[in-house]
Amino acid sequence: RQLLEAFRTTLEDLRSDPAVRVVLIHSLVPGIFCAGADLKERAA
């Protein structure tokens, strides 16, 4: 939930910023881009 909320808020900021030309999405965690939905959160 927290990552998703931050992601959507950031996208809204980028959408309205005319100075943004190109957006790159990458991982700061070695060995993984994204494991998908958080199944531990979903289990609850």
PDB file of all heavy atoms in Angstrom:
ATOM      1  N   ARG A   1       0.821  -1.219   0.000  1.00  0.00           N
ATOM      2  CA  ARG A   1       0.000   0.000   0.000  1.00  0.00           C
ATOM      3  C   ARG A   1       0.852   1.265   0.000  1.00  0.00           C
ATOM      4  O   ARG A   1       0.564   2.221  -0.718  1.00  0.00           O
ATOM      5  CB  ARG A   1      -0.926  -0.018   1.219  1.00  0.00           C
ATOM      6  CG  ARG A   1      -2.116  -0.970   1.105  1.00  0.00           C
ATOM      7  CD  ARG A   1      -3.089  -0.694   2.229  1.00  0.00           C
ATOM      8  NE  ARG A   1      -4.324  -1.442   2.105  1.00  0.00           N
ATOM      9  CZ  ARG A   1      -4.623  -2.525   2.820  1.00  0.00           C
ATOM     10  NH1 ARG A   1      -3.720  -2.993   3.683  1.00  0.00           N
ATOM     11  NH2 ARG A   1      -5.778  -3.142   2.664  1.00  0.00           N
ATOM     12  N   GLN A   2       1.896   1.289   0.825  1.00  0.00           N
ATOM     13  CA  GLN A   2       2.706   2.497   0.946  1.00  0.00           C
ATOM     14  C   GLN A   2       3.447   2.806  -0.351  1.00  0.00           C
ATOM     15  O   GLN A   2       3.468   3.955  -0.808  1.00  0.00           O
ATOM     16  CB  GLN A   2       3.705   2.331   2.093  1.00  0.00           C
ATOM     17  CG  GLN A   2       4.549   3.570   2.357  1.00  0.00           C
ATOM     18  CD  GLN A   2       5.404   3.441   3.606  1.00  0.00           C
ATOM     19  OE1 GLN A   2       4.925   3.024   4.656  1.00  0.00           O
ATOM     20  NE2 GLN A   2       6.684   3.792   3.486  1.00  0.00           N
ATOM     21  N   LEU A   3       4.059   1.787  -0.956  1.00  0.00           N
ATOM     22  CA  LEU A   3       4.771   1.992  -2.216  1.00  0.00           C
ATOM     23  C   LEU A   3       3.806   2.430  -3.310  1.00  0.00           C
ATOM     24  O   LEU A   3       4.099   3.338  -4.096  1.00  0.00           O
ATOM     25  CB  LEU A   3       5.506   0.720  -2.626  1.00  0.00           C
ATOM     26  CG  LEU A   3       6.201   0.727  -3.997  1.00  0.00           C
ATOM     27  CD1 LEU A   3       7.147   1.908  -4.133  1.00  0.00           C
ATOM     28  CD2 LEU A   3       6.931  -0.586  -4.228  1.00  0.00           C
ATOM     29  N   LEU A   4       2.653   1.787  -3.357  1.00  0.00           N
ATOM     30  CA  LEU A   4       1.677   2.118  -4.399  1.00  0.00           C
ATOM     31  C   LEU A   4       1.188   3.555  -4.251  1.00  0.00           C
ATOM     32  O   LEU A   4       1.054   4.283  -5.248  1.00  0.00           O
ATOM     33  CB  LEU A   4       0.506   1.144  -4.341  1.00  0.00           C
ATOM     34  CG  LEU A   4      -0.497   1.246  -5.483  1.00  0.00           C
ATOM     35  CD1 LEU A   4       0.163   0.892  -6.811  1.00  0.00           C
ATOM     36  CD2 LEU A   4      -1.689   0.324  -5.234  1.00  0.00           C
ATOM     37  N   GLU A   5       0.939   3.983  -3.024  1.00  0.00           N
ATOM     38  CA  GLU A   5       0.480   5.353  -2.797  1.00  0.00           C
ATOM     39  C   GLU A   5       1.548   6.360  -3.230  1.00  0.00           C
ATOM     40  O   GLU A   5       1.238   7.364  -3.896  1.00  0.00           O
ATOM     41  CB  GLU A   5       0.141   5.556  -1.318  1.00  0.00           C
ATOM     42  CG  GLU A   5      -0.369   6.950  -0.993  1.00  0.00           C
ATOM     43  CD  GLU A   5      -0.728   7.132   0.474  1.00  0.00           C
ATOM     44  OE1 GLU A   5      -0.666   6.145   1.234  1.00  0.00           O
ATOM     45  OE2 GLU A   5      -1.065   8.272   0.850  1.00  0.00           O
ATOM     46  N   ALA A   6       2.807   6.080  -2.876  1.00  0.00           N
ATOM     47  CA  ALA A   6       3.896   6.975  -3.275  1.00  0.00           C
ATOM     48  C   ALA A   6       4.047   7.015  -4.787  1.00  0.00           C
ATOM     49  O   ALA A   6       4.297   8.065  -5.377  1.00  0.00           O
ATOM     50  CB  ALA A   6       5.199   6.522  -2.614  1.00  0.00           C
ATOM     51  N   PHE A   7       3.886   5.855  -5.418  1.00  0.00           N
ATOM     52  CA  PHE A   7       4.019   5.753  -6.866  1.00  0.00           C
ATOM     53  C   PHE A   7       2.943   6.594  -7.559  1.00  0.00           C
ATOM     54  O   PHE A   7       3.245   7.381  -8.466  1.00  0.00           O
ATOM     55  CB  PHE A   7       3.923   4.282  -7.277  1.00  0.00           C
ATOM     56  CG  PHE A   7       4.195   4.020  -8.728  1.00  0.00           C
ATOM     57  CD1 PHE A   7       5.479   4.123  -9.241  1.00  0.00           C
ATOM     58  CD2 PHE A   7       3.171   3.639  -9.590  1.00  0.00           C
ATOM     59  CE1 PHE A   7       5.735   3.875 -10.580  1.00  0.00           C
ATOM     60  CE2 PHE A   7       3.413   3.387 -10.927  1.00  0.00           C
ATOM     61  CZ  PHE A   7       4.709   3.501 -11.421  1.00  0.00           C
ATOM     62  N   ARG A   8       1.704   6.462  -7.123  1.00  0.00           N
ATOM     63  CA  ARG A   8       0.610   7.186  -7.775  1.00  0.00           C
ATOM     64  C   ARG A   8       0.715   8.694  -7.543  1.00  0.00           C
ATOM     65  O   ARG A   8       0.434   9.490  -8.454  1.00  0.00           O
ATOM     66  CB  ARG A   8      -0.739   6.664  -7.282  1.00  0.00           C
ATOM     67  CG  ARG A   8      -0.991   5.209  -7.621  1.00  0.00           C
ATOM     68  CD  ARG A   8      -2.397   4.755  -7.288  1.00  0.00           C
ATOM     69  NE  ARG A   8      -3.372   5.294  -8.226  1.00  0.00           N
ATOM     70  CZ  ARG A   8      -4.683   5.014  -8.156  1.00  0.00           C
ATOM     71  NH1 ARG A   8      -5.139   4.215  -7.199  1.00  0.00           N
ATOM     72  NH2 ARG A   8      -5.515   5.524  -9.033  1.00  0.00           N
ATOM     73  N   THR A   9       1.130   9.089  -6.336  1.00  0.00           N
ATOM     74  CA  THR A   9       1.314  10.511  -6.054  1.00  0.00           C
ATOM     75  C   THR A   9       2.397  11.100  -6.943  1.00  0.00           C
ATOM     76  O   THR A   9       2.249  12.208  -7.489  1.00  0.00           O
ATOM     77  CB  THR A   9       1.672  10.718  -4.576  1.00  0.00           C
ATOM     78  OG1 THR A   9       0.605  10.234  -3.755  1.00  0.00           O
ATOM     79  CG2 THR A   9       1.910  12.188  -4.274  1.00  0.00           C
ATOM     80  N   THR A  10       3.483  10.343  -7.126  1.00  0.00           N
ATOM     81  CA  THR A  10       4.581  10.811  -7.965  1.00  0.00           C
ATOM     82  C   THR A  10       4.147  10.924  -9.419  1.00  0.00           C
ATOM     83  O   THR A  10       4.491  11.897 -10.110  1.00  0.00           O
ATOM     84  CB  THR A  10       5.780   9.855  -7.845  1.00  0.00           C
ATOM     85  OG1 THR A  10       6.211   9.818  -6.481  1.00  0.00           O
ATOM     86  CG2 THR A  10       6.934  10.314  -8.727  1.00  0.00           C
ATOM     87  N   LEU A  11       3.392   9.945  -9.910  1.00  0.00           N
ATOM     88  CA  LEU A  11       2.912  10.014 -11.285  1.00  0.00           C
ATOM     89  C   LEU A  11       2.058  11.255 -11.516  1.00  0.00           C
ATOM     90  O   LEU A  11       2.162  11.901 -12.566  1.00  0.00           O
ATOM     91  CB  LEU A  11       2.103   8.755 -11.633  1.00  0.00           C
ATOM     92  CG  LEU A  11       2.849   7.431 -11.693  1.00  0.00           C
ATOM     93  CD1 LEU A  11       1.893   6.312 -12.104  1.00  0.00           C
ATOM     94  CD2 LEU A  11       4.026   7.492 -12.648  1.00  0.00           C
ATOM     95  N   GLU A  12       1.232  11.597 -10.541  1.00  0.00           N
ATOM     96  CA  GLU A  12       0.394  12.789 -10.679  1.00  0.00           C
ATOM     97  C   GLU A  12       1.259  14.046 -10.746  1.00  0.00           C
ATOM     98  O   GLU A  12       0.988  14.959 -11.537  1.00  0.00           O
ATOM     99  CB  GLU A  12      -0.581  12.881  -9.495  1.00  0.00           C
ATOM    100  CG  GLU A  12      -1.577  14.028  -9.598  1.00  0.00           C
ATOM    101  CD  GLU A  12      -2.452  13.944 -10.843  1.00  0.00           C
ATOM    102  OE1 GLU A  12      -2.758  12.828 -11.308  1.00  0.00           O
ATOM    103  OE2 GLU A  12      -2.822  15.021 -11.368  1.00  0.00           O
ATOM    104  N   ASP A  13       2.315  14.095  -9.942  1.00  0.00           N
ATOM    105  CA  ASP A  13       3.229  15.235  -9.986  1.00  0.00           C
ATOM    106  C   ASP A  13       3.923  15.331 -11.351  1.00  0.00           C
ATOM    107  O   ASP A  13       4.057  16.422 -11.917  1.00  0.00           O
ATOM    108  CB  ASP A  13       4.283  15.120  -8.889  1.00  0.00           C
ATOM    109  CG  ASP A  13       3.698  15.276  -7.490  1.00  0.00           C
ATOM    110  OD1 ASP A  13       2.591  15.836  -7.368  1.00  0.00           O
ATOM    111  OD2 ASP A  13       4.356  14.836  -6.526  1.00  0.00           O
ATOM    112  N   LEU A  14       4.371  14.204 -11.866  1.00  0.00           N
ATOM    113  CA  LEU A  14       5.077  14.190 -13.145  1.00  0.00           C
ATOM    114  C   LEU A  14       4.149  14.597 -14.291  1.00  0.00           C
ATOM    115  O   LEU A  14       4.561  15.312 -15.210  1.00  0.00           O
ATOM    116  CB  LEU A  14       5.655  12.796 -13.424  1.00  0.00           C
ATOM    117  CG  LEU A  14       6.728  12.305 -12.449  1.00  0.00           C
ATOM    118  CD1 LEU A  14       7.111  10.871 -12.792  1.00  0.00           C
ATOM    119  CD2 LEU A  14       7.950  13.205 -12.485  1.00  0.00           C
ATOM    120  N   ARG A  15       2.914  14.142 -14.228  1.00  0.00           N
ATOM    121  CA  ARG A  15       1.961  14.425 -15.304  1.00  0.00           C
ATOM    122  C   ARG A  15       1.785  15.934 -15.508  1.00  0.00           C
ATOM    123  O   ARG A  15       1.657  16.394 -16.644  1.00  0.00           O
ATOM    124  CB  ARG A  15       0.608  13.788 -14.962  1.00  0.00           C
ATOM    125  CG  ARG A  15      -0.516  14.120 -15.948  1.00  0.00           C
ATOM    126  CD  ARG A  15      -1.819  13.498 -15.520  1.00  0.00           C
ATOM    127  NE  ARG A  15      -1.708  12.054 -15.528  1.00  0.00           N
ATOM    128  CZ  ARG A  15      -1.837  11.300 -16.630  1.00  0.00           C
ATOM    129  NH1 ARG A  15      -2.076  11.876 -17.790  1.00  0.00           N
ATOM    130  NH2 ARG A  15      -1.736   9.995 -16.556  1.00  0.00           N
ATOM    131  N   SER A  16       1.798  16.675 -14.428  1.00  0.00           N
ATOM    132  CA  SER A  16       1.510  18.104 -14.510  1.00  0.00           C
ATOM    133  C   SER A  16       2.763  18.963 -14.597  1.00  0.00           C
ATOM    134  O   SER A  16       2.668  20.186 -14.516  1.00  0.00           O
ATOM    135  CB  SER A  16       0.673  18.532 -13.294  1.00  0.00           C
ATOM    136  OG  SER A  16       1.363  18.237 -12.082  1.00  0.00           O
ATOM    137  N   ASP A  17       3.926  18.346 -14.757  1.00  0.00           N
ATOM    138  CA  ASP A  17       5.188  19.092 -14.792  1.00  0.00           C
ATOM    139  C   ASP A  17       5.712  19.169 -16.224  1.00  0.00           C
ATOM    140  O   ASP A  17       6.228  18.192 -16.756  1.00  0.00           O
ATOM    141  CB  ASP A  17       6.221  18.402 -13.895  1.00  0.00           C
ATOM    142  CG  ASP A  17       7.487  19.226 -13.718  1.00  0.00           C
ATOM    143  OD1 ASP A  17       7.696  20.171 -14.507  1.00  0.00           O
ATOM    144  OD2 ASP A  17       8.266  18.925 -12.801  1.00  0.00           O
ATOM    145  N   PRO A  18       5.617  20.331 -16.876  1.00  0.00           N
ATOM    146  CA  PRO A  18       6.038  20.436 -18.280  1.00  0.00           C
ATOM    147  C   PRO A  18       7.543  20.301 -18.468  1.00  0.00           C
ATOM    148  O   PRO A  18       8.015  20.104 -19.594  1.00  0.00           O
ATOM    149  CB  PRO A  18       5.561  21.829 -18.692  1.00  0.00           C
ATOM    150  CG  PRO A  18       5.485  22.600 -17.408  1.00  0.00           C
ATOM    151  CD  PRO A  18       5.091  21.602 -16.356  1.00  0.00           C
ATOM    152  N   ALA A  19       8.314  20.399 -17.387  1.00  0.00           N
ATOM    153  CA  ALA A  19       9.771  20.286 -17.508  1.00  0.00           C
ATOM    154  C   ALA A  19      10.232  18.834 -17.626  1.00  0.00           C
ATOM    155  O   ALA A  19      11.373  18.582 -18.005  1.00  0.00           O
ATOM    156  CB  ALA A  19      10.446  20.943 -16.307  1.00  0.00           C
ATOM    157  N   VAL A  20       9.357  17.889 -17.316  1.00  0.00           N
ATOM    158  CA  VAL A  20       9.729  16.471 -17.367  1.00  0.00           C
ATOM    159  C   VAL A  20       9.619  15.982 -18.804  1.00  0.00           C
ATOM    160  O   VAL A  20       8.550  16.051 -19.417  1.00  0.00           O
ATOM    161  CB  VAL A  20       8.837  15.626 -16.437  1.00  0.00           C
ATOM    162  CG1 VAL A  20       9.204  14.153 -16.545  1.00  0.00           C
ATOM    163  CG2 VAL A  20       8.976  16.098 -15.000  1.00  0.00           C
ATOM    164  N   ARG A  21      10.713  15.460 -19.337  1.00  0.00           N
ATOM    165  CA  ARG A  21      10.756  15.022 -20.733  1.00  0.00           C
ATOM    166  C   ARG A  21      10.711  13.501 -20.871  1.00  0.00           C
ATOM    167  O   ARG A  21      10.081  12.970 -21.773  1.00  0.00           O
ATOM    168  CB  ARG A  21      12.024  15.546 -21.410  1.00  0.00           C
ATOM    169  CG  ARG A  21      12.219  17.062 -21.351  1.00  0.00           C
ATOM    170  CD  ARG A  21      11.308  17.801 -22.308  1.00  0.00           C
ATOM    171  NE  ARG A  21      11.566  19.232 -22.321  1.00  0.00           N
ATOM    172  CZ  ARG A  21      12.466  19.821 -23.100  1.00  0.00           C
ATOM    173  NH1 ARG A  21      13.213  19.115 -23.932  1.00  0.00           N
ATOM    174  NH2 ARG A  21      12.630  21.128 -23.056  1.00  0.00           N
ATOM    175  N   VAL A  22      11.427  12.786 -19.986  1.00  0.00           N
ATOM    176  CA  VAL A  22      11.505  11.322 -20.052  1.00  0.00           C
ATOM    177  C   VAL A  22      11.547  10.787 -18.624  1.00  0.00           C
ATOM    178  O   VAL A  22      12.221  11.366 -17.762  1.00  0.00           O
ATOM    179  CB  VAL A  22      12.762  10.833 -20.814  1.00  0.00           C
ATOM    180  CG1 VAL A  22      12.690   9.318 -21.039  1.00  0.00           C
ATOM    181  CG2 VAL A  22      12.943  11.567 -22.128  1.00  0.00           C
ATOM    182  N   VAL A  23      10.853   9.683 -18.369  1.00  0.00           N
ATOM    183  CA  VAL A  23      10.819   9.070 -17.041  1.00  0.00           C
ATOM    184  C   VAL A  23      11.367   7.652 -17.119  1.00  0.00           C
ATOM    185  O   VAL A  23      10.957   6.867 -17.986  1.00  0.00           O
ATOM    186  CB  VAL A  23       9.381   9.046 -16.482  1.00  0.00           C
ATOM    187  CG1 VAL A  23       9.329   8.306 -15.141  1.00  0.00           C
ATOM    188  CG2 VAL A  23       8.837  10.461 -16.322  1.00  0.00           C
ATOM    189  N   LEU A  24      12.294   7.329 -16.224  1.00  0.00           N
ATOM    190  CA  LEU A  24      12.865   5.985 -16.132  1.00  0.00           C
ATOM    191  C   LEU A  24      12.474   5.371 -14.794  1.00  0.00           C
ATOM    192  O   LEU A  24      12.603   6.009 -13.740  1.00  0.00           O
ATOM    193  CB  LEU A  24      14.396   6.019 -16.221  1.00  0.00           C
ATOM    194  CG  LEU A  24      15.032   6.080 -17.614  1.00  0.00           C
ATOM    195  CD1 LEU A  24      14.661   7.362 -18.334  1.00  0.00           C
ATOM    196  CD2 LEU A  24      16.543   5.940 -17.505  1.00  0.00           C
ATOM    197  N   ILE A  25      12.002   4.124 -14.828  1.00  0.00           N
ATOM    198  CA  ILE A  25      11.652   3.390 -13.614  1.00  0.00           C
ATOM    199  C   ILE A  25      12.665   2.274 -13.446  1.00  0.00           C
ATOM    200  O   ILE A  25      12.839   1.436 -14.344  1.00  0.00           O
ATOM    201  CB  ILE A  25      10.231   2.802 -13.717  1.00  0.00           C
ATOM    202  CG1 ILE A  25       9.229   3.913 -14.010  1.00  0.00           C
ATOM    203  CG2 ILE A  25       9.853   2.073 -12.433  1.00  0.00           C
ATOM    204  CD1 ILE A  25       7.921   3.420 -14.576  1.00  0.00           C
ATOM    205  N   HIS A  26      13.341   2.263 -12.317  1.00  0.00           N
ATOM    206  CA  HIS A  26      14.373   1.258 -12.091  1.00  0.00           C
ATOM    207  C   HIS A  26      14.328   0.821 -10.635  1.00  0.00           C
ATOM    208  O   HIS A  26      13.507   1.295  -9.846  1.00  0.00           O
ATOM    209  CB  HIS A  26      15.760   1.808 -12.454  1.00  0.00           C
ATOM    210  CG  HIS A  26      16.253   2.886 -11.523  1.00  0.00           C
ATOM    211  ND1 HIS A  26      17.409   2.767 -10.804  1.00  0.00           N
ATOM    212  CD2 HIS A  26      15.731   4.110 -11.180  1.00  0.00           C
ATOM    213  CE1 HIS A  26      17.604   3.857 -10.080  1.00  0.00           C
ATOM    214  NE2 HIS A  26      16.599   4.687 -10.295  1.00  0.00           N
ATOM    215  N   SER A  27      15.192  -0.104 -10.285  1.00  0.00           N
ATOM    216  CA  SER A  27      15.246  -0.612  -8.921  1.00  0.00           C
ATOM    217  C   SER A  27      16.535  -0.189  -8.256  1.00  0.00           C
ATOM    218  O   SER A  27      17.608  -0.227  -8.861  1.00  0.00           O
ATOM    219  CB  SER A  27      15.147  -2.139  -8.920  1.00  0.00           C
ATOM    220  OG  SER A  27      15.404  -2.646  -7.620  1.00  0.00           O
ATOM    221  N   LEU A  28      16.435   0.202  -6.993  1.00  0.00           N
ATOM    222  CA  LEU A  28      17.609   0.491  -6.179  1.00  0.00           C
ATOM    223  C   LEU A  28      18.018  -0.711  -5.338  1.00  0.00           C
ATOM    224  O   LEU A  28      18.978  -0.634  -4.577  1.00  0.00           O
ATOM    225  CB  LEU A  28      17.321   1.693  -5.271  1.00  0.00           C
ATOM    226  CG  LEU A  28      17.074   3.018  -6.008  1.00  0.00           C
ATOM    227  CD1 LEU A  28      16.554   4.082  -5.048  1.00  0.00           C
ATOM    228  CD2 LEU A  28      18.334   3.493  -6.698  1.00  0.00           C
ATOM    229  N   VAL A  29      17.288  -1.818  -5.500  1.00  0.00           N
ATOM    230  CA  VAL A  29      17.557  -3.042  -4.737  1.00  0.00           C
ATOM    231  C   VAL A  29      18.262  -4.037  -5.646  1.00  0.00           C
ATOM    232  O   VAL A  29      17.698  -4.443  -6.669  1.00  0.00           O
ATOM    233  CB  VAL A  29      16.252  -3.658  -4.192  1.00  0.00           C
ATOM    234  CG1 VAL A  29      16.550  -4.929  -3.396  1.00  0.00           C
ATOM    235  CG2 VAL A  29      15.505  -2.639  -3.336  1.00  0.00           C
ATOM    236  N   PRO A  30      19.468  -4.456  -5.330  1.00  0.00           N
ATOM    237  CA  PRO A  30      20.193  -5.395  -6.203  1.00  0.00           C
ATOM    238  C   PRO A  30      19.439  -6.708  -6.388  1.00  0.00           C
ATOM    239  O   PRO A  30      18.838  -7.238  -5.450  1.00  0.00           O
ATOM    240  CB  PRO A  30      21.516  -5.622  -5.449  1.00  0.00           C
ATOM    241  CG  PRO A  30      21.674  -4.415  -4.575  1.00  0.00           C
ATOM    242  CD  PRO A  30      20.284  -4.032  -4.172  1.00  0.00           C
ATOM    243  N   GLY A  31      19.456  -7.207  -7.627  1.00  0.00           N
ATOM    244  CA  GLY A  31      18.916  -8.530  -7.915  1.00  0.00           C
ATOM    245  C   GLY A  31      17.427  -8.619  -8.126  1.00  0.00           C
ATOM    246  O   GLY A  31      16.899  -9.710  -8.374  1.00  0.00           O
ATOM    247  N   ILE A  32      16.724  -7.497  -8.058  1.00  0.00           N
ATOM    248  CA  ILE A  32      15.269  -7.542  -8.237  1.00  0.00           C
ATOM    249  C   ILE A  32      14.789  -6.228  -8.846  1.00  0.00           C
ATOM    250  O   ILE A  32      15.283  -5.149  -8.494  1.00  0.00           O
ATOM    251  CB  ILE A  32      14.545  -7.795  -6.885  1.00  0.00           C
ATOM    252  CG1 ILE A  32      13.047  -8.140  -7.107  1.00  0.00           C
ATOM    253  CG2 ILE A  32      14.708  -6.623  -5.943  1.00  0.00           C
ATOM    254  CD1 ILE A  32      12.796  -9.498  -7.670  1.00  0.00           C
ATOM    255  N   PHE A  33      13.869  -6.320  -9.793  1.00  0.00           N
ATOM    256  CA  PHE A  33      13.162  -5.133 -10.258  1.00  0.00           C
ATOM    257  C   PHE A  33      11.927  -4.961  -9.394  1.00  0.00           C
ATOM    258  O   PHE A  33      11.787  -3.981  -8.669  1.00  0.00           O
ATOM    259  CB  PHE A  33      12.797  -5.259 -11.735  1.00  0.00           C
ATOM    260  CG  PHE A  33      11.926  -4.136 -12.238  1.00  0.00           C
ATOM    261  CD1 PHE A  33      12.435  -2.854 -12.370  1.00  0.00           C
ATOM    262  CD2 PHE A  33      10.596  -4.365 -12.567  1.00  0.00           C
ATOM    263  CE1 PHE A  33      11.635  -1.800 -12.815  1.00  0.00           C
ATOM    264  CE2 PHE A  33       9.780  -3.322 -13.023  1.00  0.00           C
ATOM    265  CZ  PHE A  33      10.304  -2.046 -13.146  1.00  0.00           C
ATOM    266  N   CYS A  34      11.045  -5.933  -9.437  1.00  0.00           N
ATOM    267  CA  CYS A  34       9.849  -5.898  -8.593  1.00  0.00           C
ATOM    268  C   CYS A  34       9.270  -7.309  -8.531  1.00  0.00           C
ATOM    269  O   CYS A  34       9.065  -7.948  -9.563  1.00  0.00           O
ATOM    270  CB  CYS A  34       8.827  -4.915  -9.148  1.00  0.00           C
ATOM    271  SG  CYS A  34       7.269  -4.872  -8.236  1.00  0.00           S
ATOM    272  N   ALA A  35       8.997  -7.771  -7.307  1.00  0.00           N
ATOM    273  CA  ALA A  35       8.489  -9.127  -7.110  1.00  0.00           C
ATOM    274  C   ALA A  35       6.984  -9.228  -7.313  1.00  0.00           C
ATOM    275  O   ALA A  35       6.416 -10.317  -7.176  1.00  0.00           O
ATOM    276  CB  ALA A  35       8.859  -9.617  -5.712  1.00  0.00           C
ATOM    277  N   GLY A  36       6.331  -8.119  -7.617  1.00  0.00           N
ATOM    278  CA  GLY A  36       4.889  -8.151  -7.834  1.00  0.00           C
ATOM    279  C   GLY A  36       4.136  -7.600  -6.642  1.00  0.00           C
ATOM    280  O   GLY A  36       4.675  -6.860  -5.822  1.00  0.00           O
ATOM    281  N   ALA A  37       2.874  -7.959  -6.536  1.00  0.00           N
ATOM    282  CA  ALA A  37       2.056  -7.498  -5.416  1.00  0.00           C
ATOM    283  C   ALA A  37       2.577  -8.089  -4.110  1.00  0.00           C
ATOM    284  O   ALA A  37       3.145  -9.185  -4.090  1.00  0.00           O
ATOM    285  CB  ALA A  37       0.597  -7.887  -5.627  1.00  0.00           C
ATOM    286  N   ASP A  38       2.373  -7.370  -3.026  1.00  0.00           N
ATOM    287  CA  ASP A  38       2.806  -7.838  -1.709  1.00  0.00           C
ATOM    288  C   ASP A  38       1.804  -8.887  -1.211  1.00  0.00           C
ATOM    289  O   ASP A  38       0.740  -8.541  -0.685  1.00  0.00           O
ATOM    290  CB  ASP A  38       2.890  -6.659  -0.740  1.00  0.00           C
ATOM    291  CG  ASP A  38       3.552  -7.027   0.576  1.00  0.00           C
ATOM    292  OD1 ASP A  38       3.422  -8.190   1.003  1.00  0.00           O
ATOM    293  OD2 ASP A  38       4.213  -6.159   1.165  1.00  0.00           O
ATOM    294  N   LEU A  39       2.160 -10.152  -1.355  1.00  0.00           N
ATOM    295  CA  LEU A  39       1.234 -11.234  -0.995  1.00  0.00           C
ATOM    296  C   LEU A  39       1.052 -11.352   0.506  1.00  0.00           C
ATOM    297  O   LEU A  39       0.020 -11.840   0.975  1.00  0.00           O
ATOM    298  CB  LEU A  39       1.732 -12.554  -1.589  1.00  0.00           C
ATOM    299  CG  LEU A  39       1.796 -12.596  -3.123  1.00  0.00           C
ATOM    300  CD1 LEU A  39       2.239 -13.977  -3.604  1.00  0.00           C
ATOM    301  CD2 LEU A  39       0.468 -12.210  -3.751  1.00  0.00           C
ATOM    302  N   LYS A  40       2.048 -10.923   1.282  1.00  0.00           N
ATOM    303  CA  LYS A  40       1.890 -10.951   2.742  1.00  0.00           C
ATOM    304  C   LYS A  40       0.819  -9.961   3.176  1.00  0.00           C
ATOM    305  O   LYS A  40      -0.010 -10.264   4.037  1.00  0.00           O
ATOM    306  CB  LYS A  40       3.218 -10.640   3.421  1.00  0.00           C
ATOM    307  CG  LYS A  40       4.261 -11.744   3.277  1.00  0.00           C
ATOM    308  CD  LYS A  40       5.527 -11.404   4.036  1.00  0.00           C
ATOM    309  CE  LYS A  40       6.555 -12.535   3.891  1.00  0.00           C
ATOM    310  NZ  LYS A  40       7.824 -12.210   4.610  1.00  0.00           N
ATOM    311  N   GLU A  41       0.828  -8.774   2.579  1.00  0.00           N
ATOM    312  CA  GLU A  41      -0.227  -7.804   2.871  1.00  0.00           C
ATOM    313  C   GLU A  41      -1.573  -8.331   2.401  1.00  0.00           C
ATOM    314  O   GLU A  41      -2.574  -8.221   3.107  1.00  0.00           O
ATOM    315  CB  GLU A  41       0.064  -6.468   2.187  1.00  0.00           C
ATOM    316  CG  GLU A  41       0.991  -5.555   2.953  1.00  0.00           C
ATOM    317  CD  GLU A  41       0.998  -4.148   2.391  1.00  0.00           C
ATOM    318  OE1 GLU A  41       0.089  -3.789   1.607  1.00  0.00           O
ATOM    319  OE2 GLU A  41       1.921  -3.392   2.736  1.00  0.00           O
ATOM    320  N   ARG A  42      -1.575  -8.927   1.211  1.00  0.00           N
ATOM    321  CA  ARG A  42      -2.835  -9.388   0.636  1.00  0.00           C
ATOM    322  C   ARG A  42      -3.444 -10.522   1.456  1.00  0.00           C
ATOM    323  O   ARG A  42      -4.667 -10.650   1.539  1.00  0.00           O
ATOM    324  CB  ARG A  42      -2.635  -9.833  -0.813  1.00  0.00           C
ATOM    325  CG  ARG A  42      -3.946 -10.123  -1.523  1.00  0.00           C
ATOM    326  CD  ARG A  42      -3.729 -10.557  -2.956  1.00  0.00           C
ATOM    327  NE  ARG A  42      -3.153  -9.516  -3.770  1.00  0.00           N
ATOM    328  CZ  ARG A  42      -2.910  -9.653  -5.072  1.00  0.00           C
ATOM    329  NH1 ARG A  42      -3.181 -10.794  -5.686  1.00  0.00           N
ATOM    330  NH2 ARG A  42      -2.401  -8.659  -5.754  1.00  0.00           N
ATOM    331  N   ALA A  43      -2.618 -11.360   2.065  1.00  0.00           N
ATOM    332  CA  ALA A  43      -3.126 -12.491   2.844  1.00  0.00           C
ATOM    333  C   ALA A  43      -3.986 -12.041   4.016  1.00  0.00           C
ATOM    334  O   ALA A  43      -4.863 -12.771   4.475  1.00  0.00           O
ATOM    335  CB  ALA A  43      -1.962 -13.349   3.342  1.00  0.00           C
ATOM    336  N   ALA A  44      -3.753 -10.813   4.493  1.00  0.00           N
ATOM    337  CA  ALA A  44      -4.525 -10.299   5.626  1.00  0.00           C
ATOM    338  C   ALA A  44      -5.769  -9.535   5.182  1.00  0.00           C
ATOM    339  O   ALA A  44      -6.529  -9.048   6.027  1.00  0.00           O
ATOM    340  CB  ALA A  44      -3.633  -9.395   6.480  1.00  0.00           C
TER     341      ALA A  44
END
